[in-house]
Amino acid sequence: MVTPPPLPESRTEPDGSAVIRVLGYNIRSMRDDTAALARVISACAPDLVLVQEAPRFFRWRKKLARLAAASGQVVLTGGGPAAGPAVLCSLRATVERTEDVLLPLTPGQHRRGFATAVVRFAGARLGVLSCHLGLDGAERYEQAGMLLDRLAGLGVEHAVAGGDLNERPGGRAFTRLTAALQDCRTTAPWGGGNTFPPAGPDRRIDALLATKGVEVLGCGVPLGLPGVTDTDLRAATDHLPVLAALRVPAV
């Protein structure tokens, strides 16, 4: 496996802006190797983890808390109340507020939701949204619009959204999102591209998106990152994670 160039580490700049690492990860309700999952998250050294398919039924809070503790994070919001999306964060984050949002239920489809928060890193203030868009194309397109509305409603200049979009770049929902937000992978490619399935990935359906004022320093699947092994990536869940380094301006 080819080792990617170094991804910038988290840090606070002299002007109060912050370089942060954001990880997007569909964890399939922690039905796979949770030790491998925790090792992957830990090795990525994220400040924020935008989770999809977090546990949301029996003892879901305890399961998510155990994953957070094992990977050096704390549970910020989401899980059951958001129908699966969740946000974990490091102790570097100062939390202003959180909100879990359930989306309108489409008959015959799974309930979907957003896990959202507003956080600070030093002088930088950031809106955060984790999502898992639907399988039906028409529903997915409408949910993309709701995502943009929800980000605007957070009342912050800078924001990051991430999740399992269930759609490749060029699809209607993906295009609706990238008309307003940066596709971090396209802006600053780093590491690998495709995210599904973990063994022989042939499509990119997971993404991190940022508002235009956020500087993307690198984004991609952390293949070859020190501490991230191919064995763990295949054992942890049925998606590959997406890791980005972002510079968020001070307010």
Protein backbone atom coordinates (compact mmCIF):
# COMPACT_ATOMS: atom_id res chain seq x y z
CA MET A 1 0.00 0.00 0.00
CA VAL A 2 1.33 3.45 -0.93
CA THR A 3 1.71 5.81 2.02
CA PRO A 4 -0.02 9.14 1.34
CA PRO A 5 1.78 12.41 2.02
CA PRO A 6 1.33 13.70 5.56
CA LEU A 7 -2.06 15.21 6.33
CA PRO A 8 -1.82 18.38 8.44
CA GLU A 9 -2.15 17.83 12.16
CA SER A 10 -4.71 19.64 14.30
CA ARG A 11 -3.44 22.97 15.57
CA THR A 12 -4.41 26.52 16.46
CA GLU A 13 -2.94 29.25 14.29
CA PRO A 14 -1.61 32.56 15.69
CA ASP A 15 -4.58 34.43 14.20
CA GLY A 16 -7.07 32.25 16.12
CA SER A 17 -8.05 30.10 13.14
CA ALA A 18 -7.97 26.35 13.64
CA VAL A 19 -6.76 23.39 11.62
CA ILE A 20 -9.01 20.46 12.43
CA ARG A 21 -9.39 16.89 11.27
CA VAL A 22 -12.87 15.67 10.40
CA LEU A 23 -13.71 12.00 9.84
CA GLY A 24 -16.88 10.73 8.15
CA TYR A 25 -17.70 7.06 8.80
CA ASN A 26 -20.64 4.70 8.29
CA ILE A 27 -20.18 2.20 11.13
CA ARG A 28 -23.07 -0.21 10.32
CA SER A 29 -24.55 -0.11 13.83
CA MET A 30 -21.27 -1.50 15.21
CA ARG A 31 -22.19 -4.98 13.99
CA ASP A 32 -18.63 -5.75 12.88
CA ASP A 33 -15.23 -5.67 14.61
CA THR A 34 -15.58 -2.80 17.08
CA ALA A 35 -11.94 -3.04 18.19
CA ALA A 36 -10.82 -2.55 14.58
CA LEU A 37 -13.29 0.32 14.23
CA ALA A 38 -11.86 2.07 17.29
CA ARG A 39 -8.30 1.58 16.04
CA VAL A 40 -9.12 3.19 12.69
CA ILE A 41 -10.79 6.18 14.33
CA SER A 42 -7.94 6.62 16.82
CA ALA A 43 -5.27 6.45 14.11
CA CYS A 44 -7.02 9.21 12.14
CA ALA A 45 -6.72 11.53 15.20
CA PRO A 46 -9.96 13.39 14.40
CA ASP A 47 -11.38 16.42 16.16
CA LEU A 48 -14.85 15.53 14.86
CA VAL A 49 -16.29 12.19 13.76
CA LEU A 50 -19.45 12.38 11.64
CA VAL A 51 -20.99 8.94 12.14
CA GLN A 52 -23.70 7.22 10.12
CA GLU A 53 -25.61 4.12 11.20
CA ALA A 54 -24.76 4.58 14.85
CA PRO A 55 -26.55 2.12 17.15
CA ARG A 56 -30.10 3.39 17.79
CA PHE A 57 -32.00 0.61 19.50
CA PHE A 58 -31.14 -1.64 22.47
CA ARG A 59 -28.52 0.02 24.72
CA TRP A 60 -27.48 2.33 21.89
CA ARG A 61 -26.16 5.05 24.23
CA LYS A 62 -23.84 2.63 26.01
CA LYS A 63 -22.54 1.16 22.75
CA LEU A 64 -21.79 4.56 21.23
CA ALA A 65 -20.17 5.77 24.45
CA ARG A 66 -17.90 2.72 24.51
CA LEU A 67 -16.78 3.36 20.94
CA ALA A 68 -16.11 7.02 21.75
CA ALA A 69 -14.08 6.13 24.83
CA ALA A 70 -12.09 3.47 22.97
CA SER A 71 -11.19 5.91 20.19
CA GLY A 72 -10.35 8.98 22.27
CA GLN A 73 -13.63 10.80 21.65
CA VAL A 74 -16.79 11.81 23.49
CA VAL A 75 -20.36 11.58 22.21
CA LEU A 76 -21.57 15.01 21.16
CA THR A 77 -25.04 14.30 19.75
CA GLY A 78 -27.15 11.95 17.63
CA GLY A 79 -27.68 8.22 17.57
CA GLY A 80 -31.24 7.15 18.34
CA PRO A 81 -32.84 10.64 18.33
CA ALA A 82 -31.37 11.38 14.87
CA ALA A 83 -32.28 7.94 13.42
CA GLY A 84 -28.64 6.92 13.06
CA PRO A 85 -26.36 9.88 12.35
CA ALA A 86 -24.20 10.98 15.27
CA VAL A 87 -21.30 13.29 16.03
CA LEU A 88 -18.31 12.45 18.22
CA CYS A 89 -15.67 15.01 19.15
CA SER A 90 -12.35 15.34 20.90
CA LEU A 91 -11.93 17.34 24.08
CA ARG A 92 -10.43 20.10 21.94
CA ALA A 93 -13.95 21.14 20.91
CA THR A 94 -16.02 23.60 22.91
CA VAL A 95 -19.69 22.83 22.35
CA GLU A 96 -22.17 25.69 21.97
CA ARG A 97 -25.31 23.71 21.16
CA THR A 98 -26.62 20.51 19.58
CA GLU A 99 -29.83 19.47 17.86
CA ASP A 100 -31.08 16.18 16.45
CA VAL A 101 -33.51 16.47 13.55
CA LEU A 102 -35.87 13.83 12.17
CA LEU A 103 -36.73 14.22 8.49
CA PRO A 104 -40.17 13.58 6.98
CA LEU A 105 -40.84 9.87 6.65
CA THR A 106 -41.31 8.62 3.10
CA PRO A 107 -43.74 5.65 3.06
CA GLY A 108 -41.85 2.41 2.53
CA GLN A 109 -38.45 3.97 3.33
CA HIS A 110 -36.32 4.12 6.48
CA ARG A 111 -36.60 7.09 8.81
CA ARG A 112 -33.75 9.53 8.26
CA GLY A 113 -32.36 12.40 10.30
CA PHE A 114 -29.53 14.84 10.90
CA ALA A 115 -27.23 15.16 13.91
CA THR A 116 -26.15 18.80 14.16
CA ALA A 117 -24.03 20.97 16.42
CA VAL A 118 -22.21 24.28 16.67
CA VAL A 119 -18.71 24.01 18.13
CA ARG A 120 -15.64 26.16 18.65
CA PHE A 121 -11.97 25.41 18.19
CA ALA A 122 -9.96 28.30 19.63
CA GLY A 123 -11.24 31.37 17.72
CA ALA A 124 -12.98 29.35 15.02
CA ARG A 125 -16.72 28.66 15.14
CA LEU A 126 -18.12 25.81 13.08
CA GLY A 127 -21.48 24.29 12.26
CA VAL A 128 -21.48 20.49 11.99
CA LEU A 129 -23.97 18.11 10.37
CA SER A 130 -23.89 14.32 9.99
CA CYS A 131 -26.32 12.73 7.53
CA HIS A 132 -27.31 9.48 5.85
CA LEU A 133 -29.38 10.20 2.76
CA GLY A 134 -32.10 7.87 1.51
CA LEU A 135 -32.00 5.08 -1.05
CA ASP A 136 -34.78 6.53 -3.21
CA GLY A 137 -33.49 9.14 -5.67
CA ALA A 138 -36.38 11.58 -5.35
CA GLU A 139 -36.30 11.40 -1.55
CA ARG A 140 -32.52 11.82 -1.56
CA TYR A 141 -32.75 14.96 -3.69
CA GLU A 142 -35.26 16.52 -1.30
CA GLN A 143 -33.11 15.57 1.68
CA ALA A 144 -30.15 17.32 0.06
CA GLY A 145 -32.20 20.50 0.00
CA MET A 146 -33.17 20.02 3.65
CA LEU A 147 -29.48 19.58 4.50
CA LEU A 148 -28.62 22.93 2.92
CA ASP A 149 -31.52 24.60 4.72
CA ARG A 150 -30.42 23.10 8.03
CA LEU A 151 -26.85 24.31 7.59
CA ALA A 152 -28.11 27.81 6.81
CA GLY A 153 -30.32 27.64 9.89
CA LEU A 154 -27.36 27.00 12.18
CA GLY A 155 -26.54 30.70 11.94
CA VAL A 156 -22.79 30.29 11.44
CA GLU A 157 -20.55 31.43 8.62
CA HIS A 158 -18.52 28.22 8.38
CA ALA A 159 -19.81 24.66 8.43
CA VAL A 160 -18.92 21.08 7.55
CA ALA A 161 -21.35 18.32 6.61
CA GLY A 162 -20.58 14.70 6.00
CA GLY A 163 -22.13 11.37 5.53
CA ASP A 164 -23.21 8.44 3.47
CA LEU A 165 -24.89 10.14 0.52
CA ASN A 166 -25.93 6.84 -1.13
CA GLU A 167 -25.03 8.48 -4.42
CA ARG A 168 -21.97 9.00 -6.58
CA PRO A 169 -20.64 12.39 -7.70
CA GLY A 170 -22.73 13.63 -10.61
CA GLY A 171 -26.00 12.35 -9.16
CA ARG A 172 -28.82 14.85 -8.65
CA ALA A 173 -28.54 15.04 -4.87
CA PHE A 174 -24.73 15.13 -4.89
CA THR A 175 -24.80 17.88 -7.52
CA ARG A 176 -27.35 19.87 -5.52
CA LEU A 177 -25.04 19.78 -2.52
CA THR A 178 -21.85 20.65 -4.40
CA ALA A 179 -23.52 23.59 -6.11
CA ALA A 180 -23.52 25.25 -2.68
CA LEU A 181 -20.71 23.46 -0.80
CA GLN A 182 -17.19 22.32 -1.51
CA ASP A 183 -16.75 18.60 -2.12
CA CYS A 184 -13.63 18.32 0.03
CA ARG A 185 -12.25 15.35 -1.91
CA THR A 186 -12.48 17.23 -5.22
CA THR A 187 -11.04 20.43 -3.75
CA ALA A 188 -7.91 18.83 -2.25
CA PRO A 189 -7.51 15.12 -3.08
CA TRP A 190 -5.48 13.06 -0.60
CA GLY A 191 -5.35 9.33 0.12
CA GLY A 192 -7.90 7.11 -1.58
CA GLY A 193 -11.10 8.01 -3.39
CA ASN A 194 -13.71 5.25 -3.48
CA THR A 195 -15.48 4.35 -0.23
CA PHE A 196 -17.60 1.26 -0.93
CA PRO A 197 -17.30 -1.66 -0.50
CA PRO A 198 -14.20 -1.87 1.70
CA ALA A 199 -12.82 -4.87 -0.20
CA GLY A 200 -12.23 -3.61 -3.73
CA PRO A 201 -14.05 -0.26 -3.47
CA ASP A 202 -15.47 0.82 -6.82
CA ARG A 203 -17.66 3.83 -5.96
CA ARG A 204 -17.52 7.01 -3.91
CA ILE A 205 -20.80 7.39 -2.03
CA ASP A 206 -19.47 8.93 1.21
CA ALA A 207 -18.31 12.54 1.31
CA LEU A 208 -17.29 15.50 3.42
CA LEU A 209 -18.61 18.89 2.33
CA ALA A 210 -17.62 22.35 3.57
CA THR A 211 -18.79 25.91 3.12
CA LYS A 212 -16.76 28.05 0.75
CA GLY A 213 -14.85 29.96 3.46
CA VAL A 214 -13.28 26.80 4.88
CA GLU A 215 -9.85 25.93 3.44
CA VAL A 216 -9.56 22.25 2.56
CA LEU A 217 -6.00 21.03 3.12
CA GLY A 218 -6.59 17.42 2.08
CA CYS A 219 -9.40 14.86 1.96
CA GLY A 220 -9.78 11.18 1.15
CA VAL A 221 -9.83 7.63 2.43
CA PRO A 222 -6.90 7.25 4.86
CA LEU A 223 -5.25 4.36 3.02
CA GLY A 224 -1.71 3.89 4.27
CA LEU A 225 -2.06 6.39 7.09
CA PRO A 226 0.16 5.26 9.97
CA GLY A 227 -1.89 3.04 12.26
CA VAL A 228 -4.62 2.39 9.68
CA THR A 229 -4.29 -1.11 8.28
CA ASP A 230 -6.10 -2.70 5.38
CA THR A 231 -7.13 -5.54 7.71
CA ASP A 232 -8.79 -3.14 10.14
CA LEU A 233 -10.50 -1.19 7.36
CA ARG A 234 -12.09 -4.37 6.02
CA ALA A 235 -13.05 -5.68 9.45
CA ALA A 236 -14.43 -2.47 10.98
CA THR A 237 -17.57 -1.93 8.88
CA ASP A 238 -18.92 -2.08 5.31
CA HIS A 239 -17.75 1.43 4.27
CA LEU A 240 -14.37 3.10 4.17
CA PRO A 241 -13.97 6.32 6.16
CA VAL A 242 -13.28 9.77 4.70
CA LEU A 243 -10.76 11.99 6.50
CA ALA A 244 -10.21 15.70 5.87
CA ALA A 245 -7.94 18.40 7.27
CA LEU A 246 -9.66 21.79 7.25
CA ARG A 247 -8.53 25.29 8.19
CA VAL A 248 -11.47 27.15 9.73
CA PRO A 249 -11.12 30.94 9.93
CA ALA A 250 -11.44 32.74 13.23
CA VAL A 251 -14.62 34.73 13.79
